[in-house]
Amino acid sequence: MASFVTQSVLQIFLVISFFQISLAGRKLSEVVQDQPQLLTYHNGPLLSGKITVNLIWYGKFKPSERTIISDFVTSLSSTIPSVNNQPSVAQWWKTTEKYYHLTSKKSSLSLSLGKQILYENYSLGKSLKNKQIVELAAKGDQSNAINVVLTASDVAVEGFCMSQCGTHGSASGSNNGHIKAKRYSKFAYIWVGNSQTQCPGQCAWPFHQPVYGPQNPPLIAPNNNVGLDGMVINLASLFAGTVTNPFGNGYFQGPAEAPLEAEAACPGIYGKGAYPGYAGNLLVDPTTGASYNAHGDNGRKYLLPALYDPSTSSCSTLV
């Protein structure tokens, strides 16, 4: 957990803290791995059934910024047919369904947007520890839910910009809250920080010049917001890790203390032809010049990372 985030994409690690909180963090590395290793199922539960995604906003976010994230969440399970077979967020998310098909329980998952809770007065201060992130996550529902904590650009979080851009994990819930697994009195959560002013070169690549590695020009962000578009990339990655390895005994490769998960097995890849410092062959908006690979609700465009496809043992990209 001491390594620094660098310019390309993700590697997931798992930490068990003294508070019995499991964390997996998204951090950047500069190696594109062409042949990802097979992810192993460790017989633990995946998130299944109808799961509500609650957004917990800590610090100042404009309403227009909050809709970038909420539109992304609703896009994951959107049933609106794509126009002219354009790649969509929902199509990207379907790769996670293949993990469920490989388990003996053959369960399924349906995500929906739940509550949005605002903490704009910085009630815990502007420098948060991991245990305070969990405290905030616990403000959301603790049964059949993923609670997502999003911290503003002026909020420092333990490990942010030094070893991680976001985390996912589970924590003990009150009143025996659980997610589709009676033997677990835990709830799943995600934290992602806005790196706009603190470390965009580490946590918002390829929309900002990288701190390390090849210095290719940054791409134009599809929602014209480097910080929030970077948050979408990190959030997308952590959603995939959360549903396929919510409690540290789902799908991952390598040691449990430093696992590679569904999104971490394909670092630096957003489109075909990716290599270190180059995100791949992407779609470009003819009006704005923004790069993207997925269409979402309300006319949104997003850039989403490649996911490991367990049915083909390869990285799956939309474009």
Protein backbone atom coordinates (compact mmCIF):
# COMPACT_ATOMS: atom_id res chain seq x y z
CA MET A 1 0.00 0.00 0.00
CA ALA A 2 3.08 2.23 0.08
CA SER A 3 3.60 2.34 -3.69
CA PHE A 4 2.72 5.53 -5.54
CA VAL A 5 0.00 5.81 -8.13
CA THR A 6 1.46 6.48 -11.58
CA GLN A 7 0.13 7.28 -15.02
CA SER A 8 -1.90 4.44 -16.45
CA VAL A 9 -4.43 2.33 -14.69
CA LEU A 10 -5.35 0.04 -11.96
CA GLN A 11 -4.18 -2.46 -9.52
CA ILE A 12 -6.33 -3.57 -6.64
CA PHE A 13 -5.10 -4.39 -3.19
CA LEU A 14 -6.93 -5.67 -0.16
CA VAL A 15 -6.26 -4.42 3.36
CA ILE A 16 -7.75 -5.76 6.57
CA SER A 17 -7.66 -3.06 9.21
CA PHE A 18 -7.88 -3.17 12.98
CA PHE A 19 -11.51 -2.14 12.63
CA GLN A 20 -12.32 -5.32 10.69
CA ILE A 21 -12.90 -3.32 7.55
CA SER A 22 -11.82 -4.78 4.23
CA LEU A 23 -10.67 -2.32 1.62
CA ALA A 24 -9.68 -2.65 -2.01
CA GLY A 25 -8.25 0.47 -3.56
CA ARG A 26 -7.98 1.64 -7.13
CA LYS A 27 -4.53 2.91 -7.94
CA LEU A 28 -2.71 3.59 -11.17
CA SER A 29 0.22 1.74 -12.69
CA GLU A 30 1.96 2.27 -16.00
CA VAL A 31 2.01 -1.28 -17.31
CA VAL A 32 -0.48 -2.46 -19.92
CA GLN A 33 -0.92 -6.19 -19.51
CA ASP A 34 -1.81 -7.82 -22.83
CA GLN A 35 -2.68 -11.28 -21.49
CA PRO A 36 -4.44 -11.04 -18.13
CA GLN A 37 -4.28 -14.01 -15.84
CA LEU A 38 -7.36 -16.04 -15.04
CA LEU A 39 -9.39 -14.79 -12.09
CA THR A 40 -10.25 -17.51 -9.59
CA TYR A 41 -13.56 -17.84 -7.78
CA HIS A 42 -13.00 -18.28 -4.04
CA ASN A 43 -16.54 -19.52 -3.27
CA GLY A 44 -17.69 -16.39 -1.46
CA PRO A 45 -20.95 -14.56 -2.20
CA LEU A 46 -21.33 -12.06 -5.01
CA LEU A 47 -23.77 -9.20 -4.65
CA SER A 48 -27.09 -10.39 -6.04
CA GLY A 49 -30.75 -9.50 -6.27
CA LYS A 50 -32.03 -5.94 -6.29
CA ILE A 51 -29.29 -3.67 -4.97
CA THR A 52 -29.74 0.04 -4.34
CA VAL A 53 -26.84 2.44 -4.95
CA ASN A 54 -26.85 5.31 -2.46
CA LEU A 55 -24.67 8.35 -3.17
CA ILE A 56 -23.17 10.16 -0.17
CA TRP A 57 -21.68 13.51 -1.17
CA TYR A 58 -19.11 14.94 1.24
CA GLY A 59 -18.13 18.54 0.56
CA LYS A 60 -19.16 20.98 -2.14
CA PHE A 61 -20.41 19.60 -5.45
CA LYS A 62 -22.43 21.57 -7.99
CA PRO A 63 -25.79 20.04 -8.97
CA SER A 64 -24.44 19.65 -12.51
CA GLU A 65 -21.53 17.62 -11.13
CA ARG A 66 -23.80 15.37 -9.10
CA THR A 67 -25.86 14.54 -12.19
CA ILE A 68 -22.74 13.31 -14.03
CA ILE A 69 -22.42 10.60 -11.39
CA SER A 70 -26.13 9.86 -10.90
CA ASP A 71 -26.67 9.56 -14.66
CA PHE A 72 -23.79 7.08 -14.77
CA VAL A 73 -25.38 4.96 -12.03
CA THR A 74 -28.76 4.84 -13.78
CA SER A 75 -26.99 4.07 -17.06
CA LEU A 76 -25.62 0.80 -15.64
CA SER A 77 -29.05 -0.82 -15.73
CA SER A 78 -30.63 1.29 -18.45
CA THR A 79 -33.10 -0.52 -20.70
CA ILE A 80 -33.15 2.23 -23.32
CA PRO A 81 -32.07 0.63 -26.62
CA SER A 82 -28.89 2.01 -28.12
CA VAL A 83 -29.16 4.02 -31.31
CA ASN A 84 -27.36 2.55 -34.32
CA ASN A 85 -25.75 -0.06 -32.06
CA GLN A 86 -23.72 2.58 -30.26
CA PRO A 87 -21.72 1.21 -27.29
CA SER A 88 -23.45 1.90 -23.99
CA VAL A 89 -22.73 1.90 -20.28
CA ALA A 90 -25.27 -0.92 -19.85
CA GLN A 91 -23.45 -2.98 -22.47
CA TRP A 92 -20.16 -2.42 -20.61
CA TRP A 93 -21.78 -3.53 -17.34
CA LYS A 94 -23.08 -6.77 -18.87
CA THR A 95 -19.56 -8.17 -18.72
CA THR A 96 -20.00 -8.50 -14.95
CA GLU A 97 -23.01 -10.79 -15.53
CA LYS A 98 -20.66 -13.45 -16.89
CA TYR A 99 -19.14 -13.86 -13.43
CA TYR A 100 -22.55 -14.81 -12.07
CA HIS A 101 -23.07 -17.39 -14.82
CA LEU A 102 -19.90 -19.20 -13.76
CA THR A 103 -20.94 -19.70 -10.14
CA SER A 104 -23.00 -22.67 -8.98
CA LYS A 105 -25.76 -20.42 -7.62
CA LYS A 106 -26.43 -18.76 -11.02
CA SER A 107 -27.64 -15.61 -9.28
CA SER A 108 -28.22 -12.23 -10.91
CA LEU A 109 -27.91 -8.57 -10.00
CA SER A 110 -30.04 -5.49 -10.61
CA LEU A 111 -28.78 -2.03 -9.64
CA SER A 112 -30.90 1.07 -9.11
CA LEU A 113 -30.20 4.59 -7.90
CA GLY A 114 -31.33 5.12 -4.32
CA LYS A 115 -30.85 8.02 -1.92
CA GLN A 116 -28.52 10.97 -2.36
CA ILE A 117 -27.24 12.31 0.96
CA LEU A 118 -25.45 15.67 1.10
CA TYR A 119 -22.83 16.65 3.70
CA GLU A 120 -21.85 20.06 2.41
CA ASN A 121 -20.72 21.51 5.76
CA TYR A 122 -17.63 19.28 6.15
CA SER A 123 -18.91 17.94 9.48
CA LEU A 124 -15.89 15.64 9.82
CA GLY A 125 -13.39 18.21 8.63
CA LYS A 126 -11.41 18.32 5.41
CA SER A 127 -8.91 15.58 6.23
CA LEU A 128 -10.48 12.16 6.59
CA LYS A 129 -9.17 8.81 7.78
CA ASN A 130 -10.36 5.52 6.31
CA LYS A 131 -12.52 4.83 9.35
CA GLN A 132 -14.32 8.13 8.74
CA ILE A 133 -15.05 7.08 5.16
CA VAL A 134 -16.71 3.97 6.58
CA GLU A 135 -18.58 6.13 9.08
CA LEU A 136 -19.96 8.18 6.18
CA ALA A 137 -20.78 5.05 4.17
CA ALA A 138 -22.77 3.73 7.12
CA LYS A 139 -25.17 6.69 6.74
CA GLY A 140 -26.72 4.90 3.78
CA ASP A 141 -28.90 1.81 3.84
CA GLN A 142 -27.06 -1.25 5.11
CA SER A 143 -29.30 -3.89 3.59
CA ASN A 144 -29.20 -4.76 -0.13
CA ALA A 145 -27.24 -1.61 -0.94
CA ILE A 146 -23.91 -0.26 -2.10
CA ASN A 147 -23.12 3.01 -0.35
CA VAL A 148 -20.87 5.27 -2.40
CA VAL A 149 -18.96 8.06 -0.65
CA LEU A 150 -17.77 10.83 -2.96
CA THR A 151 -15.39 13.44 -1.53
CA ALA A 152 -14.95 16.93 -2.97
CA SER A 153 -11.75 18.27 -4.50
CA ASP A 154 -10.78 20.13 -1.31
CA VAL A 155 -11.07 17.05 0.92
CA ALA A 156 -7.93 15.05 1.75
CA VAL A 157 -8.41 11.35 2.45
CA GLU A 158 -5.91 8.94 3.96
CA GLY A 159 -3.85 7.44 1.12
CA PHE A 160 -5.49 9.59 -1.56
CA CYS A 161 -3.06 10.55 -4.34
CA MET A 162 -0.24 8.65 -2.62
CA SER A 163 -1.46 5.05 -2.93
CA GLN A 164 -5.05 5.15 -4.16
CA CYS A 165 -7.72 7.04 -6.06
CA GLY A 166 -10.60 5.22 -4.41
CA THR A 167 -11.48 2.10 -2.46
CA HIS A 168 -14.17 -0.50 -2.11
CA GLY A 169 -14.77 -2.81 0.77
CA SER A 170 -17.18 -4.03 3.40
CA ALA A 171 -17.81 -3.14 7.01
CA SER A 172 -19.91 -4.46 9.84
CA GLY A 173 -23.41 -3.07 9.65
CA SER A 174 -25.78 -2.13 12.43
CA ASN A 175 -28.98 -4.06 13.07
CA ASN A 176 -27.47 -7.02 11.26
CA GLY A 177 -27.73 -5.29 7.91
CA HIS A 178 -26.51 -7.55 5.14
CA ILE A 179 -26.48 -8.06 1.42
CA LYS A 180 -27.96 -11.33 0.22
CA ALA A 181 -25.82 -13.49 2.46
CA LYS A 182 -27.14 -14.32 5.92
CA ARG A 183 -23.75 -15.32 7.22
CA TYR A 184 -22.47 -11.79 6.54
CA SER A 185 -23.53 -8.92 8.77
CA LYS A 186 -21.67 -6.52 6.49
CA PHE A 187 -22.49 -3.85 3.97
CA ALA A 188 -20.57 -2.99 0.82
CA TYR A 189 -19.29 0.48 0.13
CA ILE A 190 -17.16 2.47 -2.29
CA TRP A 191 -15.20 5.67 -1.85
CA VAL A 192 -13.91 7.84 -4.71
CA GLY A 193 -12.24 11.24 -4.39
CA ASN A 194 -12.28 14.19 -6.78
CA SER A 195 -8.65 14.60 -7.81
CA GLN A 196 -9.18 17.84 -9.79
CA THR A 197 -6.96 20.02 -7.60
CA GLN A 198 -4.90 17.42 -5.73
CA CYS A 199 -3.61 14.84 -8.22
CA PRO A 200 -5.36 14.82 -11.63
CA GLY A 201 -2.20 13.47 -13.24
CA GLN A 202 -2.47 10.40 -11.04
CA CYS A 203 -6.22 9.83 -10.67
CA ALA A 204 -7.79 11.51 -13.71
CA TRP A 205 -5.58 10.18 -16.52
CA PRO A 206 -6.11 10.21 -19.50
CA PHE A 207 -7.90 13.56 -19.05
CA HIS A 208 -4.81 15.14 -17.53
CA GLN A 209 -1.10 15.00 -18.27
CA PRO A 210 0.33 12.02 -16.35
CA VAL A 211 2.84 12.53 -13.57
CA TYR A 212 5.00 9.64 -14.76
CA GLY A 213 5.54 7.79 -18.01
CA PRO A 214 4.95 8.84 -21.63
CA GLN A 215 3.80 12.46 -21.84
CA ASN A 216 1.11 12.24 -24.50
CA PRO A 217 -1.41 15.11 -24.65
CA PRO A 218 -4.41 14.62 -22.36
CA LEU A 219 -7.79 13.76 -23.82
CA ILE A 220 -10.77 16.08 -23.61
CA ALA A 221 -13.19 14.88 -20.92
CA PRO A 222 -16.64 13.92 -22.29
CA ASN A 223 -18.53 15.87 -19.62
CA ASN A 224 -16.08 18.78 -19.72
CA ASN A 225 -15.03 18.12 -16.14
CA VAL A 226 -11.64 16.50 -15.56
CA GLY A 227 -12.31 15.80 -11.89
CA LEU A 228 -15.77 14.27 -12.31
CA ASP A 229 -14.95 12.34 -15.48
CA GLY A 230 -11.96 10.93 -13.64
CA MET A 231 -14.24 9.98 -10.76
CA VAL A 232 -16.48 8.08 -13.20
CA ILE A 233 -13.53 5.99 -14.39
CA ASN A 234 -12.57 5.13 -10.82
CA LEU A 235 -16.17 4.54 -9.76
CA ALA A 236 -16.80 2.24 -12.72
CA SER A 237 -13.72 0.20 -11.82
CA LEU A 238 -14.74 -0.09 -8.19
CA PHE A 239 -18.34 -1.03 -9.01
CA ALA A 240 -17.01 -4.02 -10.96
CA GLY A 241 -14.73 -5.02 -8.09
CA THR A 242 -17.49 -4.55 -5.53
CA VAL A 243 -20.07 -6.83 -7.14
CA THR A 244 -17.62 -9.59 -8.07
CA ASN A 245 -15.52 -9.52 -4.90
CA PRO A 246 -17.57 -7.73 -2.23
CA PHE A 247 -16.19 -9.45 0.86
CA GLY A 248 -12.70 -10.49 -0.22
CA ASN A 249 -13.61 -14.08 -1.17
CA GLY A 250 -15.23 -13.67 -4.59
CA TYR A 251 -13.39 -13.40 -7.90
CA PHE A 252 -9.76 -12.34 -7.84
CA GLN A 253 -6.31 -13.52 -8.83
CA GLY A 254 -3.23 -13.67 -6.64
CA PRO A 255 -2.96 -13.32 -2.86
CA ALA A 256 -5.96 -12.02 -0.94
CA GLU A 257 -3.75 -9.27 0.50
CA ALA A 258 -3.10 -7.90 -3.01
CA PRO A 259 -5.73 -9.26 -5.38
CA LEU A 260 -6.31 -8.45 -9.02
CA GLU A 261 -10.05 -8.01 -9.62
CA ALA A 262 -12.30 -7.72 -12.68
CA GLU A 263 -11.12 -4.22 -13.55
CA ALA A 264 -7.53 -4.52 -12.31
CA ALA A 265 -6.64 -7.35 -14.68
CA CYS A 266 -6.74 -4.98 -17.67
CA PRO A 267 -4.65 -1.95 -16.66
CA GLY A 268 -4.44 1.06 -18.96
CA ILE A 269 -6.93 -0.23 -21.52
CA TYR A 270 -9.95 1.79 -22.65
CA GLY A 271 -10.06 0.78 -26.30
CA LYS A 272 -8.36 -1.54 -28.76
CA GLY A 273 -4.71 -0.79 -29.46
CA ALA A 274 -3.94 0.60 -25.99
CA TYR A 275 -0.36 0.77 -24.78
CA PRO A 276 1.41 2.63 -21.94
CA GLY A 277 0.48 6.29 -22.18
CA TYR A 278 -2.17 5.64 -24.86
CA ALA A 279 -5.74 4.78 -23.81
CA GLY A 280 -6.64 3.06 -27.08
CA ASN A 281 -8.72 3.82 -30.16
CA LEU A 282 -11.69 5.74 -28.80
CA LEU A 283 -14.75 7.52 -30.12
CA VAL A 284 -14.46 11.29 -30.50
CA ASP A 285 -17.32 13.76 -30.26
CA PRO A 286 -17.20 15.79 -33.51
CA THR A 287 -18.43 18.95 -31.77
CA THR A 288 -16.42 19.00 -28.55
CA GLY A 289 -13.47 16.81 -29.50
CA ALA A 290 -14.02 14.79 -26.30
CA SER A 291 -12.96 11.14 -26.17
CA TYR A 292 -15.34 8.47 -24.91
CA ASN A 293 -16.35 4.84 -25.40
CA ALA A 294 -19.87 4.59 -23.94
CA HIS A 295 -23.21 6.33 -24.22
CA GLY A 296 -25.31 6.81 -21.09
CA ASP A 297 -28.65 8.16 -19.93
CA ASN A 298 -29.74 11.71 -20.76
CA GLY A 299 -27.35 11.93 -23.69
CA ARG A 300 -24.26 11.42 -21.54
CA LYS A 301 -20.96 10.14 -22.85
CA TYR A 302 -18.43 8.38 -20.61
CA LEU A 303 -14.98 6.81 -20.79
CA LEU A 304 -14.95 3.40 -19.08
CA PRO A 305 -12.07 0.99 -18.44
CA ALA A 306 -11.78 -2.46 -19.96
CA LEU A 307 -13.06 -5.34 -17.86
CA TYR A 308 -11.73 -8.86 -17.65
CA ASP A 309 -14.13 -11.23 -19.44
CA PRO A 310 -14.06 -14.60 -17.62
CA SER A 311 -15.71 -16.40 -20.54
CA THR A 312 -12.86 -15.53 -22.93
CA SER A 313 -10.03 -14.92 -20.44
CA SER A 314 -9.35 -11.61 -22.13
CA CYS A 315 -9.88 -7.90 -21.70
CA SER A 316 -13.23 -6.71 -22.99
CA THR A 317 -13.51 -3.24 -24.50
CA LEU A 318 -16.52 -1.48 -26.00
CA VAL A 319 -14.56 0.00 -28.90
